[in-house]
Amino acid sequence: MFRAIPTTLSYYWRMRMPETARYTALVAKNAKQATQDMSQVLQLEIKAEEHKVDKIAHATRNSFGLFLKEFARRHGLELHGITSTMFLLDITFYSNNLFQKDVLSDIGWIPSANTTGVIGELYQVTKA
C-alpha cells in the first residue's frame, strides 16, 4: 500500500506539468499558450506567430501516419537496424545468463551445484 503513494504523487506531478511548447504549438495548435510558456521559461518577451505555426502544422510533409509507406521510407532502415541489433544482443546476453551455470560447470571452471553452496558458486562464477 505504501508503494502507491510515490506513484500517485509522480502521476499528480506529471499531470500538473505543462506540455512542451512544441507540442502545444504544433499538435494542440495553440501558439499563444506556447509563447506564454516559452516566455516564462526563457524570461523573455516572445510574440506569438500563429501564421507560421499554422503553416508548419498543415504542411503535407508532416501528415503521414505511423504505419504507412512514407513512414517506412523515411525511417524503415534505421528502425530495422536498431530492432535487429537489439534482437541479436538480447539473444546473446539472455542465453548467456540462462546457460552460464551449465556451460561453466561442464568445462570445469566451477564445481557442480551439489558440491558447493550459493555463496561459493557466486564467488566461482565471478572469478571465471
N, C-alpha and C. Protein backbone atom coordinates (compact mmCIF):
# COMPACT_ATOMS: atom_id res chain seq x y z
N MET A 1 0.82 -1.19 0.00
CA MET A 1 0.00 0.00 0.00
C MET A 1 0.86 1.25 0.00
N PHE A 2 1.97 1.20 0.74
CA PHE A 2 2.84 2.37 0.81
C PHE A 2 3.44 2.72 -0.55
N ARG A 3 3.65 1.68 -1.40
CA ARG A 3 4.26 1.92 -2.70
C ARG A 3 3.36 2.73 -3.62
N ALA A 4 2.08 2.80 -3.32
CA ALA A 4 1.16 3.57 -4.17
C ALA A 4 1.31 5.07 -3.96
N ILE A 5 1.85 5.48 -2.83
CA ILE A 5 1.97 6.92 -2.55
C ILE A 5 2.97 7.60 -3.49
N PRO A 6 4.21 7.10 -3.67
CA PRO A 6 5.10 7.76 -4.62
C PRO A 6 4.57 7.72 -6.05
N THR A 7 3.92 6.63 -6.41
CA THR A 7 3.36 6.53 -7.75
C THR A 7 2.28 7.57 -7.96
N THR A 8 1.41 7.71 -6.99
CA THR A 8 0.33 8.69 -7.10
C THR A 8 0.89 10.11 -7.13
N LEU A 9 1.88 10.38 -6.31
CA LEU A 9 2.49 11.71 -6.31
C LEU A 9 3.18 12.01 -7.64
N SER A 10 3.86 11.02 -8.21
CA SER A 10 4.51 11.21 -9.51
C SER A 10 3.49 11.47 -10.60
N TYR A 11 2.40 10.73 -10.57
CA TYR A 11 1.35 10.92 -11.56
C TYR A 11 0.72 12.31 -11.42
N TYR A 12 0.45 12.72 -10.20
CA TYR A 12 -0.14 14.04 -9.97
C TYR A 12 0.82 15.13 -10.43
N TRP A 13 2.11 14.99 -10.12
CA TRP A 13 3.10 15.99 -10.52
C TRP A 13 3.21 16.07 -12.04
N ARG A 14 3.16 14.93 -12.70
CA ARG A 14 3.25 14.91 -14.17
C ARG A 14 2.02 15.55 -14.81
N MET A 15 0.87 15.34 -14.23
CA MET A 15 -0.35 15.95 -14.78
C MET A 15 -0.38 17.45 -14.57
N ARG A 16 0.33 17.94 -13.58
CA ARG A 16 0.39 19.37 -13.32
C ARG A 16 1.41 20.09 -14.19
N MET A 17 2.37 19.33 -14.74
CA MET A 17 3.40 19.95 -15.57
C MET A 17 2.80 20.41 -16.89
N PRO A 18 3.24 21.56 -17.40
CA PRO A 18 2.75 21.98 -18.71
C PRO A 18 3.42 21.17 -19.82
N GLU A 19 2.73 21.06 -20.93
CA GLU A 19 3.31 20.39 -22.09
C GLU A 19 4.43 21.24 -22.67
N THR A 20 5.25 20.63 -23.50
CA THR A 20 6.31 21.40 -24.13
C THR A 20 5.71 22.39 -25.11
N ALA A 21 6.46 23.44 -25.39
CA ALA A 21 5.95 24.47 -26.29
C ALA A 21 5.76 23.91 -27.71
N ARG A 22 6.62 23.02 -28.11
CA ARG A 22 6.49 22.44 -29.45
C ARG A 22 5.19 21.65 -29.58
N TYR A 23 4.87 20.84 -28.56
CA TYR A 23 3.62 20.08 -28.60
C TYR A 23 2.43 21.03 -28.58
N THR A 24 2.47 22.03 -27.71
CA THR A 24 1.35 22.96 -27.59
C THR A 24 1.12 23.71 -28.90
N ALA A 25 2.19 24.08 -29.57
CA ALA A 25 2.05 24.85 -30.80
C ALA A 25 1.63 23.98 -31.97
N LEU A 26 2.29 22.84 -32.17
CA LEU A 26 2.06 22.07 -33.39
C LEU A 26 0.95 21.04 -33.28
N VAL A 27 0.81 20.38 -32.14
CA VAL A 27 -0.21 19.35 -32.01
C VAL A 27 -1.51 19.92 -31.47
N ALA A 28 -1.41 20.69 -30.40
CA ALA A 28 -2.62 21.28 -29.83
C ALA A 28 -3.04 22.54 -30.60
N LYS A 29 -2.16 23.03 -31.46
CA LYS A 29 -2.42 24.21 -32.31
C LYS A 29 -2.82 25.43 -31.47
N ASN A 30 -2.07 25.66 -30.40
CA ASN A 30 -2.31 26.79 -29.54
C ASN A 30 -1.00 27.57 -29.42
N ALA A 31 -0.74 28.43 -30.40
CA ALA A 31 0.52 29.17 -30.45
C ALA A 31 0.61 30.18 -29.33
N LYS A 32 -0.51 30.74 -28.94
CA LYS A 32 -0.50 31.75 -27.89
C LYS A 32 -0.05 31.14 -26.55
N GLN A 33 -0.58 29.98 -26.21
CA GLN A 33 -0.17 29.31 -24.97
C GLN A 33 1.29 28.87 -25.03
N ALA A 34 1.71 28.42 -26.19
CA ALA A 34 3.11 28.00 -26.35
C ALA A 34 4.04 29.18 -26.15
N THR A 35 3.67 30.35 -26.66
CA THR A 35 4.52 31.54 -26.48
C THR A 35 4.54 31.97 -25.02
N GLN A 36 3.43 31.87 -24.34
CA GLN A 36 3.41 32.22 -22.92
C GLN A 36 4.30 31.28 -22.11
N ASP A 37 4.23 29.98 -22.41
CA ASP A 37 5.07 29.02 -21.71
C ASP A 37 6.55 29.29 -21.94
N MET A 38 6.92 29.55 -23.19
CA MET A 38 8.32 29.84 -23.50
C MET A 38 8.77 31.16 -22.91
N SER A 39 7.88 32.14 -22.83
CA SER A 39 8.23 33.42 -22.21
C SER A 39 8.54 33.24 -20.73
N GLN A 40 7.78 32.36 -20.07
CA GLN A 40 8.04 32.11 -18.66
C GLN A 40 9.35 31.36 -18.45
N VAL A 41 9.64 30.42 -19.33
CA VAL A 41 10.85 29.62 -19.17
C VAL A 41 12.10 30.45 -19.47
N LEU A 42 12.07 31.18 -20.59
CA LEU A 42 13.24 31.95 -21.01
C LEU A 42 13.33 33.32 -20.36
N GLN A 43 12.26 33.75 -19.71
CA GLN A 43 12.17 35.07 -19.11
C GLN A 43 12.44 36.17 -20.13
N LEU A 44 11.84 36.00 -21.30
CA LEU A 44 11.91 36.97 -22.40
C LEU A 44 10.50 37.23 -22.90
N GLU A 45 10.34 38.34 -23.58
CA GLU A 45 9.06 38.63 -24.22
C GLU A 45 9.09 38.07 -25.64
N ILE A 46 8.18 37.14 -25.92
CA ILE A 46 8.13 36.49 -27.23
C ILE A 46 6.75 36.76 -27.83
N LYS A 47 6.74 37.09 -29.13
CA LYS A 47 5.47 37.32 -29.82
C LYS A 47 4.96 36.02 -30.40
N ALA A 48 3.65 35.85 -30.37
CA ALA A 48 3.03 34.67 -30.97
C ALA A 48 2.94 34.87 -32.47
N GLU A 49 3.44 33.93 -33.23
CA GLU A 49 3.38 33.98 -34.69
C GLU A 49 2.51 32.82 -35.16
N GLU A 50 1.22 33.01 -35.07
CA GLU A 50 0.28 31.92 -35.36
C GLU A 50 0.30 31.52 -36.82
N HIS A 51 0.57 32.44 -37.71
CA HIS A 51 0.58 32.09 -39.15
C HIS A 51 1.73 31.12 -39.46
N LYS A 52 2.87 31.27 -38.79
CA LYS A 52 3.98 30.33 -39.00
C LYS A 52 3.65 28.95 -38.43
N VAL A 53 3.01 28.94 -37.28
CA VAL A 53 2.62 27.67 -36.67
C VAL A 53 1.60 26.95 -37.53
N ASP A 54 0.63 27.68 -38.06
CA ASP A 54 -0.36 27.07 -38.95
C ASP A 54 0.29 26.51 -40.20
N LYS A 55 1.25 27.23 -40.75
CA LYS A 55 1.94 26.76 -41.96
C LYS A 55 2.72 25.48 -41.68
N ILE A 56 3.38 25.41 -40.53
CA ILE A 56 4.15 24.22 -40.19
C ILE A 56 3.23 23.05 -39.85
N ALA A 57 2.15 23.33 -39.12
CA ALA A 57 1.25 22.26 -38.68
C ALA A 57 0.49 21.64 -39.85
N HIS A 58 0.22 22.42 -40.88
CA HIS A 58 -0.56 21.91 -42.00
C HIS A 58 0.29 21.52 -43.20
N ALA A 59 1.59 21.43 -43.02
CA ALA A 59 2.46 21.03 -44.12
C ALA A 59 2.18 19.58 -44.49
N THR A 60 2.22 19.29 -45.79
CA THR A 60 1.92 17.93 -46.24
C THR A 60 3.03 16.95 -45.89
N ARG A 61 4.23 17.45 -45.69
CA ARG A 61 5.33 16.53 -45.38
C ARG A 61 5.22 15.96 -43.97
N ASN A 62 4.38 16.53 -43.13
CA ASN A 62 4.21 16.03 -41.77
C ASN A 62 2.89 15.31 -41.58
N SER A 63 2.22 14.95 -42.64
CA SER A 63 0.87 14.42 -42.49
C SER A 63 0.78 12.91 -42.73
N PHE A 64 1.87 12.18 -42.58
CA PHE A 64 1.79 10.73 -42.77
C PHE A 64 1.60 10.04 -41.43
N GLY A 65 0.99 8.87 -41.48
CA GLY A 65 0.71 8.12 -40.26
C GLY A 65 1.91 7.31 -39.81
N LEU A 66 1.71 6.54 -38.77
CA LEU A 66 2.82 5.79 -38.18
C LEU A 66 3.18 4.56 -39.00
N PHE A 67 2.21 3.84 -39.55
CA PHE A 67 2.50 2.59 -40.26
C PHE A 67 2.17 2.70 -41.74
N LEU A 68 2.60 3.77 -42.35
CA LEU A 68 2.35 3.94 -43.78
C LEU A 68 3.66 3.86 -44.54
N LYS A 69 3.54 3.82 -45.87
CA LYS A 69 4.72 3.68 -46.72
C LYS A 69 5.69 4.84 -46.55
N GLU A 70 5.17 6.03 -46.39
CA GLU A 70 6.04 7.20 -46.22
C GLU A 70 6.87 7.09 -44.95
N PHE A 71 6.25 6.64 -43.87
CA PHE A 71 6.99 6.45 -42.62
C PHE A 71 8.06 5.39 -42.80
N ALA A 72 7.72 4.29 -43.47
CA ALA A 72 8.69 3.22 -43.70
C ALA A 72 9.82 3.69 -44.60
N ARG A 73 9.50 4.53 -45.58
CA ARG A 73 10.53 5.04 -46.48
C ARG A 73 11.50 5.95 -45.74
N ARG A 74 10.97 6.77 -44.84
CA ARG A 74 11.83 7.71 -44.12
C ARG A 74 12.63 7.05 -43.00
N HIS A 75 12.00 6.16 -42.26
CA HIS A 75 12.63 5.65 -41.04
C HIS A 75 12.81 4.14 -41.03
N GLY A 76 12.46 3.45 -42.09
CA GLY A 76 12.49 2.00 -42.10
C GLY A 76 13.87 1.40 -41.92
N LEU A 77 14.86 1.96 -42.58
CA LEU A 77 16.21 1.41 -42.49
C LEU A 77 16.75 1.53 -41.07
N GLU A 78 16.57 2.69 -40.46
CA GLU A 78 17.05 2.88 -39.09
C GLU A 78 16.31 1.96 -38.12
N LEU A 79 14.99 1.87 -38.26
CA LEU A 79 14.21 1.02 -37.37
C LEU A 79 14.61 -0.46 -37.52
N HIS A 80 14.82 -0.89 -38.75
CA HIS A 80 15.23 -2.27 -38.97
C HIS A 80 16.61 -2.54 -38.36
N GLY A 81 17.53 -1.60 -38.54
CA GLY A 81 18.87 -1.76 -37.97
C GLY A 81 18.85 -1.83 -36.46
N ILE A 82 18.07 -0.96 -35.84
CA ILE A 82 18.00 -0.93 -34.38
C ILE A 82 17.35 -2.19 -33.84
N THR A 83 16.21 -2.57 -34.43
CA THR A 83 15.50 -3.73 -33.90
C THR A 83 16.27 -5.02 -34.11
N SER A 84 16.92 -5.17 -35.26
CA SER A 84 17.68 -6.41 -35.48
C SER A 84 18.90 -6.47 -34.57
N THR A 85 19.57 -5.36 -34.35
CA THR A 85 20.71 -5.35 -33.44
C THR A 85 20.29 -5.67 -32.02
N MET A 86 19.20 -5.05 -31.56
CA MET A 86 18.72 -5.32 -30.21
C MET A 86 18.27 -6.77 -30.06
N PHE A 87 17.67 -7.33 -31.10
CA PHE A 87 17.25 -8.72 -31.07
C PHE A 87 18.45 -9.65 -30.92
N LEU A 88 19.50 -9.40 -31.70
CA LEU A 88 20.69 -10.25 -31.62
C LEU A 88 21.40 -10.10 -30.28
N LEU A 89 21.45 -8.87 -29.75
CA LEU A 89 22.07 -8.68 -28.44
C LEU A 89 21.26 -9.36 -27.34
N ASP A 90 19.94 -9.29 -27.43
CA ASP A 90 19.10 -9.95 -26.44
C ASP A 90 19.32 -11.46 -26.45
N ILE A 91 19.38 -12.04 -27.64
CA ILE A 91 19.62 -13.48 -27.74
C ILE A 91 20.96 -13.83 -27.12
N THR A 92 21.98 -13.05 -27.42
CA THR A 92 23.32 -13.34 -26.91
C THR A 92 23.38 -13.24 -25.40
N PHE A 93 22.95 -12.12 -24.85
CA PHE A 93 23.14 -11.91 -23.42
C PHE A 93 22.15 -12.70 -22.56
N TYR A 94 20.91 -12.83 -23.00
CA TYR A 94 19.96 -13.60 -22.21
C TYR A 94 20.32 -15.08 -22.21
N SER A 95 20.70 -15.61 -23.36
CA SER A 95 21.07 -17.02 -23.38
C SER A 95 22.37 -17.25 -22.62
N ASN A 96 23.26 -16.28 -22.64
CA ASN A 96 24.49 -16.41 -21.87
C ASN A 96 24.17 -16.50 -20.37
N ASN A 97 23.27 -15.66 -19.90
CA ASN A 97 22.91 -15.70 -18.48
C ASN A 97 22.11 -16.95 -18.13
N LEU A 98 21.30 -17.44 -19.05
CA LEU A 98 20.49 -18.62 -18.77
C LEU A 98 21.34 -19.88 -18.66
N PHE A 99 22.32 -20.02 -19.54
CA PHE A 99 23.08 -21.25 -19.62
C PHE A 99 24.48 -21.14 -19.04
N GLN A 100 24.79 -20.04 -18.37
CA GLN A 100 26.13 -19.83 -17.84
C GLN A 100 26.51 -20.91 -16.82
N LYS A 101 25.61 -21.25 -15.93
CA LYS A 101 25.94 -22.24 -14.89
C LYS A 101 26.20 -23.61 -15.51
N ASP A 102 25.45 -23.96 -16.56
CA ASP A 102 25.66 -25.28 -17.18
C ASP A 102 26.97 -25.33 -17.95
N VAL A 103 27.24 -24.29 -18.71
CA VAL A 103 28.45 -24.28 -19.53
C VAL A 103 29.69 -24.23 -18.66
N LEU A 104 29.68 -23.34 -17.65
CA LEU A 104 30.87 -23.21 -16.81
C LEU A 104 31.13 -24.47 -15.99
N SER A 105 30.09 -25.16 -15.56
CA SER A 105 30.33 -26.40 -14.82
C SER A 105 30.76 -27.53 -15.76
N ASP A 106 30.28 -27.53 -17.01
CA ASP A 106 30.69 -28.58 -17.96
C ASP A 106 32.16 -28.45 -18.35
N ILE A 107 32.66 -27.22 -18.46
CA ILE A 107 34.07 -27.06 -18.84
C ILE A 107 34.99 -27.07 -17.64
N GLY A 108 34.43 -27.18 -16.43
CA GLY A 108 35.25 -27.34 -15.24
C GLY A 108 35.69 -26.06 -14.57
N TRP A 109 35.13 -24.94 -14.95
CA TRP A 109 35.53 -23.67 -14.32
C TRP A 109 34.90 -23.49 -12.95
N ILE A 110 33.72 -24.07 -12.75
CA ILE A 110 33.08 -24.03 -11.44
C ILE A 110 32.66 -25.45 -11.08
N PRO A 111 32.64 -25.78 -9.80
CA PRO A 111 32.20 -27.13 -9.41
C PRO A 111 30.69 -27.28 -9.58
N SER A 112 30.20 -28.48 -9.57
CA SER A 112 28.77 -28.71 -9.73
C SER A 112 28.02 -28.14 -8.53
N ALA A 113 26.71 -27.94 -8.71
CA ALA A 113 25.91 -27.26 -7.70
C ALA A 113 25.78 -28.05 -6.41
N ASN A 114 25.87 -29.37 -6.46
CA ASN A 114 25.67 -30.15 -5.24
C ASN A 114 26.93 -30.20 -4.37
N THR A 115 28.06 -29.71 -4.84
CA THR A 115 29.29 -29.74 -4.05
C THR A 115 29.61 -28.41 -3.39
N THR A 116 28.93 -27.37 -3.75
CA THR A 116 29.23 -26.04 -3.19
C THR A 116 27.93 -25.31 -2.86
N GLY A 117 28.03 -24.31 -2.02
CA GLY A 117 26.87 -23.51 -1.65
C GLY A 117 26.66 -22.35 -2.62
N VAL A 118 25.66 -21.59 -2.32
CA VAL A 118 25.31 -20.47 -3.18
C VAL A 118 26.41 -19.42 -3.20
N ILE A 119 26.93 -19.08 -2.04
CA ILE A 119 27.98 -18.06 -1.96
C ILE A 119 29.25 -18.55 -2.65
N GLY A 120 29.59 -19.81 -2.45
CA GLY A 120 30.77 -20.36 -3.11
C GLY A 120 30.63 -20.38 -4.62
N GLU A 121 29.44 -20.76 -5.10
CA GLU A 121 29.21 -20.77 -6.54
C GLU A 121 29.25 -19.35 -7.12
N LEU A 122 28.70 -18.40 -6.39
CA LEU A 122 28.74 -17.00 -6.84
C LEU A 122 30.17 -16.52 -6.93
N TYR A 123 30.98 -16.89 -5.94
CA TYR A 123 32.39 -16.49 -5.96
C TYR A 123 33.11 -17.12 -7.15
N GLN A 124 32.84 -18.38 -7.42
CA GLN A 124 33.49 -19.07 -8.54
C GLN A 124 33.06 -18.48 -9.88
N VAL A 125 31.79 -18.11 -10.01
CA VAL A 125 31.30 -17.53 -11.27
C VAL A 125 31.94 -16.18 -11.50
N THR A 126 32.07 -15.39 -10.45
CA THR A 126 32.68 -14.06 -10.63
C THR A 126 34.17 -14.17 -10.94
N LYS A 127 34.83 -15.21 -10.46
CA LYS A 127 36.24 -15.42 -10.80
C LYS A 127 36.39 -15.89 -12.25
N ALA A 128 35.42 -16.64 -12.76
CA ALA A 128 35.51 -17.22 -14.09
C ALA A 128 35.27 -16.18 -15.10
